[in-house]
Structure formats: C-alpha cells, structure tokens
Amino acid sequence: MKKVLLVGTGDVGKHLLEFAARDESNLEWIVGDVDEERARWACNNAEIGAAHHSRHPKLKPIQVDLFNGEKTTELIQSEKPDAVINCTVLHTWHLIRQLPDELYAKISSAGLGAWLPCQLALGLNFAKSIQDSGLSPYYINTSLSCLTNPVMGKVGLAPTIGIENVDLIAPAVLTYVAQQKGIDRSRVETYQVCHHQHWVFPREAGYRPGAPYFLKIL
C-alpha cells in the first residue's frame, strides 16, 4: 500500500483530506498537525464522511512540528512516504484580513512579497527534512507555491509540484464559455497557465493587471 504524509489540517488540508478519504485509490494517509487533536478531528470527520460513500480509508493522525527538523526527518525515515504534502503556513491570510481596512490595504499594497515569509518558512523546513532523510518522495507544496516553489528551487529544495488559487478560476471560465455558446459545459475544455496575481488583483490594494498568462479554450 502506498503512503502519503500530509502535514497541516487547516482549511486546505481538511478539504484535501475529505476528498482523499472518498477516493478509490488504496492509499494510507499519515495526517500531521502541530496540534495533534486537530489532526485527529480532521481524520475522524473525513472517515465519517467517507462512510457515506462506503469508503473506509486508512488515516493516522499524529503530531508534527515543522520547527523540529530533526524529529520531522526521523518521521519521514520511519514512515517512508511515497508522497509528502505541505498544507502549512505560519498564519492564514484570513487572519490578516481581519485588520482594519486602512491598515490591511497598506500591507496589501506591498504586493505578494509581503506574504512570502509566513508562507515559505514551514514549507522550506519541510523540504530540508525531506532532503536530510535521504529519501525522495514526491513533494507537493500548497503554500503560495507560485512564489515559494521558485525560492526553494534556488536553494536546491524545489518541490515536485504546487497548487494555486487560479484553479478556482477554471470552473468559472468553463461555465461562462458554455453559457455564452449555449452548449453543455462537458463539451468545453480549457488550458490555463497564470500567476496568483490574476486571482488577487481585481480585489486587493497594490496589485496591477496585465501579468502574462496562457488560456486555450477547446
């Protein structure tokens, strides 16, 4: 049985786990969080949800502190995961969004770079632990990967792949094209390559339109 190590059970991690628990792939999931109780709740909820679909995933909650590099390395060596998924950040964007509008706009005007340290720190620590383990699992980084992956790549710790909010744009494009053409959405296929910039500039201070992108509609 192939094994996946997922660390971080916030909004992204919990959603990913809910989908994974319902998937037909026969995978073992090691689910870590700095708060082991939160990891346990996430696994429990995912298992209950999966039961509605007659799925019985193998999920194991554990405590993982990515600031403890030595222990993280030992965990990777012990579990020998085929893939590792980072869903951690020092704090979520939603927390900063609770600041007064004027103060938030001032921070936001600095652009995406203002968010880089809190998005990069834990993922970089994770990458170092993977390297130190001597193993080569696939490393999937979900933390603002259009910025953090290139930085990690500069120091020889590039993840295998990342994910980004631009994926949320794809269904909207499919729906719009289908509605405009009066055809079933299943007949529309798109290929999109664009930066996180396209997700934030319409609604955030300090961002400008005009970043390059690729869009192909079939």
C-alpha atoms as a PDB file:
ATOM      1  CA  MET A   1       0.000   0.000   0.000  1.00  0.00           C
ATOM      2  CA  LYS A   2       1.398   3.395  -0.992  1.00  0.00           C
ATOM      3  CA  LYS A   3       1.624   6.012   1.717  1.00  0.00           C
ATOM      4  CA  VAL A   4       1.081   9.787   1.816  1.00  0.00           C
ATOM      5  CA  LEU A   5       2.254  12.124   4.571  1.00  0.00           C
ATOM      6  CA  LEU A   6       0.019  15.200   4.822  1.00  0.00           C
ATOM      7  CA  VAL A   7       1.005  17.966   7.241  1.00  0.00           C
ATOM      8  CA  GLY A   8      -1.384  20.798   8.079  1.00  0.00           C
ATOM      9  CA  THR A   9      -5.107  20.375   8.777  1.00  0.00           C
ATOM     10  CA  GLY A  10      -6.319  23.925   8.269  1.00  0.00           C
ATOM     11  CA  ASP A  11      -8.800  24.892   5.555  1.00  0.00           C
ATOM     12  CA  VAL A  12      -6.786  23.454   2.660  1.00  0.00           C
ATOM     13  CA  GLY A  13      -5.584  20.343   4.474  1.00  0.00           C
ATOM     14  CA  LYS A  14      -9.040  19.428   5.768  1.00  0.00           C
ATOM     15  CA  HIS A  15     -10.658  19.826   2.353  1.00  0.00           C
ATOM     16  CA  LEU A  16      -7.924  17.763   0.710  1.00  0.00           C
ATOM     17  CA  LEU A  17      -8.358  15.043   3.319  1.00  0.00           C
ATOM     18  CA  GLU A  18     -12.140  14.931   2.810  1.00  0.00           C
ATOM     19  CA  PHE A  19     -11.671  14.326  -0.918  1.00  0.00           C
ATOM     20  CA  ALA A  20      -8.854  11.834  -0.358  1.00  0.00           C
ATOM     21  CA  ALA A  21     -10.947   9.816   2.095  1.00  0.00           C
ATOM     22  CA  ARG A  22     -13.607   9.310  -0.571  1.00  0.00           C
ATOM     23  CA  ASP A  23     -11.162   8.438  -3.336  1.00  0.00           C
ATOM     24  CA  GLU A  24     -10.975   4.911  -4.716  1.00  0.00           C
ATOM     25  CA  SER A  25      -7.177   4.826  -4.521  1.00  0.00           C
ATOM     26  CA  ASN A  26      -5.962   2.431  -1.869  1.00  0.00           C
ATOM     27  CA  LEU A  27      -3.613   4.776  -0.006  1.00  0.00           C
ATOM     28  CA  GLU A  28      -2.518   5.043   3.597  1.00  0.00           C
ATOM     29  CA  TRP A  29      -2.586   8.615   4.927  1.00  0.00           C
ATOM     30  CA  ILE A  30      -0.391   9.857   7.754  1.00  0.00           C
ATOM     31  CA  VAL A  31      -2.028  13.129   8.825  1.00  0.00           C
ATOM     32  CA  GLY A  32       0.066  15.524  10.880  1.00  0.00           C
ATOM     33  CA  ASP A  33      -0.501  18.865  12.545  1.00  0.00           C
ATOM     34  CA  VAL A  34       1.284  20.852  15.242  1.00  0.00           C
ATOM     35  CA  ASP A  35      -1.971  20.296  17.175  1.00  0.00           C
ATOM     36  CA  GLU A  36      -2.443  16.523  17.254  1.00  0.00           C
ATOM     37  CA  GLU A  37      -6.025  16.860  18.496  1.00  0.00           C
ATOM     38  CA  ARG A  38      -6.915  18.921  15.438  1.00  0.00           C
ATOM     39  CA  ALA A  39      -5.383  16.260  13.189  1.00  0.00           C
ATOM     40  CA  ARG A  40      -7.460  13.637  14.998  1.00  0.00           C
ATOM     41  CA  TRP A  41     -10.673  15.631  14.492  1.00  0.00           C
ATOM     42  CA  ALA A  42      -9.888  16.087  10.797  1.00  0.00           C
ATOM     43  CA  CYS A  43      -9.297  12.352  10.328  1.00  0.00           C
ATOM     44  CA  ASN A  44     -12.426  11.454  12.273  1.00  0.00           C
ATOM     45  CA  ASN A  45     -14.615  13.786  10.213  1.00  0.00           C
ATOM     46  CA  ALA A  46     -13.100  12.550   6.950  1.00  0.00           C
ATOM     47  CA  GLU A  47     -13.662   8.913   7.929  1.00  0.00           C
ATOM     48  CA  ILE A  48     -17.291   9.587   8.863  1.00  0.00           C
ATOM     49  CA  GLY A  49     -17.884  11.401   5.579  1.00  0.00           C
ATOM     50  CA  ALA A  50     -16.230   8.598   3.628  1.00  0.00           C
ATOM     51  CA  ALA A  51     -18.513   6.046   5.272  1.00  0.00           C
ATOM     52  CA  HIS A  52     -21.472   7.676   3.500  1.00  0.00           C
ATOM     53  CA  HIS A  53     -19.778   6.634   0.254  1.00  0.00           C
ATOM     54  CA  SER A  54     -18.937   3.141   1.519  1.00  0.00           C
ATOM     55  CA  ARG A  55     -15.264   4.083   1.715  1.00  0.00           C
ATOM     56  CA  HIS A  56     -13.056   3.063   4.599  1.00  0.00           C
ATOM     57  CA  PRO A  57      -9.765   4.954   4.288  1.00  0.00           C
ATOM     58  CA  LYS A  58      -6.707   4.297   6.407  1.00  0.00           C
ATOM     59  CA  LEU A  59      -5.933   7.579   8.184  1.00  0.00           C
ATOM     60  CA  LYS A  60      -3.475   8.009  11.069  1.00  0.00           C
ATOM     61  CA  PRO A  61      -3.327  11.346  12.943  1.00  0.00           C
ATOM     62  CA  ILE A  62      -0.020  12.372  14.509  1.00  0.00           C
ATOM     63  CA  GLN A  63       1.674  15.457  15.947  1.00  0.00           C
ATOM     64  CA  VAL A  64       4.178  17.143  13.620  1.00  0.00           C
ATOM     65  CA  ASP A  65       6.105  20.321  14.425  1.00  0.00           C
ATOM     66  CA  LEU A  66       7.959  21.503  11.334  1.00  0.00           C
ATOM     67  CA  PHE A  67      10.153  23.726  13.507  1.00  0.00           C
ATOM     68  CA  ASN A  68      11.637  20.497  14.858  1.00  0.00           C
ATOM     69  CA  GLY A  69      13.609  19.484  11.796  1.00  0.00           C
ATOM     70  CA  GLU A  70      15.361  16.513  13.373  1.00  0.00           C
ATOM     71  CA  LYS A  71      12.121  14.903  14.511  1.00  0.00           C
ATOM     72  CA  THR A  72      10.466  15.578  11.144  1.00  0.00           C
ATOM     73  CA  THR A  73      13.390  13.910   9.379  1.00  0.00           C
ATOM     74  CA  GLU A  74      13.073  10.885  11.665  1.00  0.00           C
ATOM     75  CA  LEU A  75       9.343  10.705  10.897  1.00  0.00           C
ATOM     76  CA  ILE A  76       9.991  10.664   7.152  1.00  0.00           C
ATOM     77  CA  GLN A  77      12.654   7.985   7.537  1.00  0.00           C
ATOM     78  CA  SER A  78      10.334   5.886   9.699  1.00  0.00           C
ATOM     79  CA  GLU A  79       7.161   6.171   7.607  1.00  0.00           C
ATOM     80  CA  LYS A  80       8.889   6.217   4.192  1.00  0.00           C
ATOM     81  CA  PRO A  81       6.029   8.036   2.421  1.00  0.00           C
ATOM     82  CA  ASP A  82       5.699   7.868  -1.350  1.00  0.00           C
ATOM     83  CA  ALA A  83       4.414  11.444  -1.372  1.00  0.00           C
ATOM     84  CA  VAL A  84       4.528  14.355   1.061  1.00  0.00           C
ATOM     85  CA  ILE A  85       2.010  17.211   1.045  1.00  0.00           C
ATOM     86  CA  ASN A  86       2.618  20.517   2.808  1.00  0.00           C
ATOM     87  CA  CYS A  87      -0.538  22.412   3.808  1.00  0.00           C
ATOM     88  CA  THR A  88       1.055  24.586   6.491  1.00  0.00           C
ATOM     89  CA  VAL A  89       1.586  28.326   6.910  1.00  0.00           C
ATOM     90  CA  LEU A  90       2.581  30.404   9.920  1.00  0.00           C
ATOM     91  CA  HIS A  91      -0.780  32.138   9.752  1.00  0.00           C
ATOM     92  CA  THR A  92      -3.643  32.198   7.297  1.00  0.00           C
ATOM     93  CA  TRP A  93      -4.400  35.142   5.031  1.00  0.00           C
ATOM     94  CA  HIS A  94      -7.876  35.253   6.580  1.00  0.00           C
ATOM     95  CA  LEU A  95      -6.331  36.259   9.917  1.00  0.00           C
ATOM     96  CA  ILE A  96      -4.639  39.326   8.437  1.00  0.00           C
ATOM     97  CA  ARG A  97      -7.870  40.179   6.604  1.00  0.00           C
ATOM     98  CA  GLN A  98      -9.454  40.931   9.971  1.00  0.00           C
ATOM     99  CA  LEU A  99      -7.251  44.005  10.374  1.00  0.00           C
ATOM    100  CA  PRO A 100      -8.862  47.440   9.900  1.00  0.00           C
ATOM    101  CA  ASP A 101      -9.347  48.145   6.190  1.00  0.00           C
ATOM    102  CA  GLU A 102      -6.854  51.022   6.072  1.00  0.00           C
ATOM    103  CA  LEU A 103      -4.101  49.015   7.752  1.00  0.00           C
ATOM    104  CA  TYR A 104      -4.782  45.933   5.654  1.00  0.00           C
ATOM    105  CA  ALA A 105      -4.681  47.985   2.436  1.00  0.00           C
ATOM    106  CA  LYS A 106      -1.289  49.412   3.460  1.00  0.00           C
ATOM    107  CA  ILE A 107       0.147  45.915   3.972  1.00  0.00           C
ATOM    108  CA  SER A 108      -1.503  44.586   0.820  1.00  0.00           C
ATOM    109  CA  SER A 109      -0.022  47.406  -1.258  1.00  0.00           C
ATOM    110  CA  ALA A 110       3.391  45.783  -0.754  1.00  0.00           C
ATOM    111  CA  GLY A 111       2.229  43.000  -3.091  1.00  0.00           C
ATOM    112  CA  LEU A 112       2.605  39.251  -2.823  1.00  0.00           C
ATOM    113  CA  GLY A 113       6.106  39.517  -1.408  1.00  0.00           C
ATOM    114  CA  ALA A 114       4.649  40.762   1.875  1.00  0.00           C
ATOM    115  CA  TRP A 115       3.132  37.323   2.436  1.00  0.00           C
ATOM    116  CA  LEU A 116       6.198  35.305   1.443  1.00  0.00           C
ATOM    117  CA  PRO A 117       7.848  34.789   4.865  1.00  0.00           C
ATOM    118  CA  CYS A 118       4.763  33.343   6.555  1.00  0.00           C
ATOM    119  CA  GLN A 119       4.046  31.128   3.536  1.00  0.00           C
ATOM    120  CA  LEU A 120       7.629  29.958   2.999  1.00  0.00           C
ATOM    121  CA  ALA A 121       9.053  29.179   6.444  1.00  0.00           C
ATOM    122  CA  LEU A 122       7.361  25.867   7.239  1.00  0.00           C
ATOM    123  CA  GLY A 123       7.428  24.531   3.686  1.00  0.00           C
ATOM    124  CA  LEU A 124      11.154  25.251   3.494  1.00  0.00           C
ATOM    125  CA  ASN A 125      11.743  23.469   6.800  1.00  0.00           C
ATOM    126  CA  PHE A 126       9.770  20.515   5.466  1.00  0.00           C
ATOM    127  CA  ALA A 127      11.863  20.433   2.284  1.00  0.00           C
ATOM    128  CA  LYS A 128      15.074  20.424   4.337  1.00  0.00           C
ATOM    129  CA  SER A 129      13.814  17.489   6.405  1.00  0.00           C
ATOM    130  CA  ILE A 130      12.938  15.571   3.245  1.00  0.00           C
ATOM    131  CA  GLN A 131      16.441  16.168   1.910  1.00  0.00           C
ATOM    132  CA  ASP A 132      18.042  15.177   5.221  1.00  0.00           C
ATOM    133  CA  SER A 133      16.024  11.949   5.309  1.00  0.00           C
ATOM    134  CA  GLY A 134      17.893  10.633   2.279  1.00  0.00           C
ATOM    135  CA  LEU A 135      14.573   9.628   0.690  1.00  0.00           C
ATOM    136  CA  SER A 136      12.966  11.060  -2.436  1.00  0.00           C
ATOM    137  CA  PRO A 137       9.184  11.213  -2.029  1.00  0.00           C
ATOM    138  CA  TYR A 138       7.116  13.434  -4.286  1.00  0.00           C
ATOM    139  CA  TYR A 139       6.789  16.795  -2.523  1.00  0.00           C
ATOM    140  CA  ILE A 140       3.560  18.717  -3.130  1.00  0.00           C
ATOM    141  CA  ASN A 141       3.590  22.241  -1.711  1.00  0.00           C
ATOM    142  CA  THR A 142       0.282  24.097  -1.368  1.00  0.00           C
ATOM    143  CA  SER A 143       1.575  27.251   0.342  1.00  0.00           C
ATOM    144  CA  LEU A 144       1.545  30.088  -2.228  1.00  0.00           C
ATOM    145  CA  SER A 145       3.589  27.816  -4.446  1.00  0.00           C
ATOM    146  CA  CYS A 146       3.961  30.253  -7.351  1.00  0.00           C
ATOM    147  CA  LEU A 147       6.243  32.251  -5.018  1.00  0.00           C
ATOM    148  CA  THR A 148       7.583  29.689  -2.570  1.00  0.00           C
ATOM    149  CA  ASN A 149       8.474  26.923  -5.035  1.00  0.00           C
ATOM    150  CA  PRO A 150      10.876  29.129  -7.053  1.00  0.00           C
ATOM    151  CA  VAL A 151      12.537  30.285  -3.825  1.00  0.00           C
ATOM    152  CA  MET A 152      13.030  26.703  -2.654  1.00  0.00           C
ATOM    153  CA  GLY A 153      14.308  25.828  -6.105  1.00  0.00           C
ATOM    154  CA  LYS A 154      17.033  28.464  -5.781  1.00  0.00           C
ATOM    155  CA  VAL A 155      18.482  26.593  -2.813  1.00  0.00           C
ATOM    156  CA  GLY A 156      18.131  23.117  -4.308  1.00  0.00           C
ATOM    157  CA  LEU A 157      14.937  22.189  -2.455  1.00  0.00           C
ATOM    158  CA  ALA A 158      12.314  22.573  -5.179  1.00  0.00           C
ATOM    159  CA  PRO A 159       9.045  20.692  -4.569  1.00  0.00           C
ATOM    160  CA  THR A 160       7.769  18.324  -7.230  1.00  0.00           C
ATOM    161  CA  ILE A 161       4.712  20.486  -7.867  1.00  0.00           C
ATOM    162  CA  GLY A 162       2.455  23.075  -6.258  1.00  0.00           C
ATOM    163  CA  ILE A 163      -1.186  24.087  -6.301  1.00  0.00           C
ATOM    164  CA  GLU A 164      -2.701  27.540  -6.649  1.00  0.00           C
ATOM    165  CA  ASN A 165      -5.896  29.561  -6.346  1.00  0.00           C
ATOM    166  CA  VAL A 166      -6.041  30.003 -10.111  1.00  0.00           C
ATOM    167  CA  ASP A 167      -7.596  26.527 -10.177  1.00  0.00           C
ATOM    168  CA  LEU A 168     -10.667  28.236  -8.751  1.00  0.00           C
ATOM    169  CA  ILE A 169     -10.902  30.337 -11.914  1.00  0.00           C
ATOM    170  CA  ALA A 170     -11.120  27.333 -14.253  1.00  0.00           C
ATOM    171  CA  PRO A 171     -14.716  26.266 -13.420  1.00  0.00           C
ATOM    172  CA  ALA A 172     -15.892  29.858 -13.817  1.00  0.00           C
ATOM    173  CA  VAL A 173     -14.296  30.066 -17.279  1.00  0.00           C
ATOM    174  CA  LEU A 174     -15.890  26.746 -18.272  1.00  0.00           C
ATOM    175  CA  THR A 175     -19.298  27.918 -17.078  1.00  0.00           C
ATOM    176  CA  TYR A 176     -19.024  31.305 -18.803  1.00  0.00           C
ATOM    177  CA  VAL A 177     -17.990  29.815 -22.161  1.00  0.00           C
ATOM    178  CA  ALA A 178     -20.766  27.209 -22.017  1.00  0.00           C
ATOM    179  CA  GLN A 179     -23.367  29.862 -21.225  1.00  0.00           C
ATOM    180  CA  GLN A 180     -22.167  32.224 -23.946  1.00  0.00           C
ATOM    181  CA  LYS A 181     -22.078  29.472 -26.574  1.00  0.00           C
ATOM    182  CA  GLY A 182     -25.257  27.776 -25.409  1.00  0.00           C
ATOM    183  CA  ILE A 183     -23.584  24.369 -25.137  1.00  0.00           C
ATOM    184  CA  ASP A 184     -23.224  21.764 -22.423  1.00  0.00           C
ATOM    185  CA  ARG A 185     -20.319  22.536 -20.121  1.00  0.00           C
ATOM    186  CA  SER A 186     -18.969  18.993 -20.521  1.00  0.00           C
ATOM    187  CA  ARG A 187     -18.069  19.906 -24.108  1.00  0.00           C
ATOM    188  CA  VAL A 188     -15.756  22.727 -23.030  1.00  0.00           C
ATOM    189  CA  GLU A 189     -12.106  22.149 -22.172  1.00  0.00           C
ATOM    190  CA  THR A 190      -9.611  24.786 -21.081  1.00  0.00           C
ATOM    191  CA  TYR A 191      -5.862  25.004 -20.561  1.00  0.00           C
ATOM    192  CA  GLN A 192      -4.783  27.803 -18.247  1.00  0.00           C
ATOM    193  CA  VAL A 193      -1.400  28.937 -17.021  1.00  0.00           C
ATOM    194  CA  CYS A 194      -1.381  32.089 -14.934  1.00  0.00           C
ATOM    195  CA  HIS A 195       0.097  33.568 -11.783  1.00  0.00           C
ATOM    196  CA  HIS A 196      -1.561  34.092  -8.396  1.00  0.00           C
ATOM    197  CA  GLN A 197      -1.556  37.761  -9.403  1.00  0.00           C
ATOM    198  CA  HIS A 198      -4.637  37.121 -11.540  1.00  0.00           C
ATOM    199  CA  TRP A 199      -6.515  35.851  -8.504  1.00  0.00           C
ATOM    200  CA  VAL A 200      -5.841  38.867  -6.292  1.00  0.00           C
ATOM    201  CA  PHE A 201      -5.520  41.999  -8.434  1.00  0.00           C
ATOM    202  CA  PRO A 202      -9.261  42.632  -9.026  1.00  0.00           C
ATOM    203  CA  ARG A 203      -9.977  42.927  -5.297  1.00  0.00           C
ATOM    204  CA  GLU A 204      -6.778  43.788  -3.430  1.00  0.00           C
ATOM    205  CA  ALA A 205      -4.863  47.034  -2.996  1.00  0.00           C
ATOM    206  CA  GLY A 206      -1.442  47.311  -4.601  1.00  0.00           C
ATOM    207  CA  TYR A 207      -1.861  44.788  -7.417  1.00  0.00           C
ATOM    208  CA  ARG A 208      -1.873  45.667 -11.099  1.00  0.00           C
ATOM    209  CA  PRO A 209      -3.474  43.970 -14.102  1.00  0.00           C
ATOM    210  CA  GLY A 210      -1.507  42.885 -17.137  1.00  0.00           C
ATOM    211  CA  ALA A 211       0.529  39.934 -15.857  1.00  0.00           C
ATOM    212  CA  PRO A 212       1.194  37.394 -18.653  1.00  0.00           C
ATOM    213  CA  TYR A 213      -0.968  34.300 -18.916  1.00  0.00           C
ATOM    214  CA  PHE A 214      -1.895  31.465 -21.277  1.00  0.00           C
ATOM    215  CA  LEU A 215      -5.509  30.472 -21.946  1.00  0.00           C
ATOM    216  CA  LYS A 216      -6.690  27.958 -24.535  1.00  0.00           C
ATOM    217  CA  ILE A 217     -10.373  27.057 -24.928  1.00  0.00           C
ATOM    218  CA  LEU A 218     -11.469  23.971 -26.871  1.00  0.00           C
END
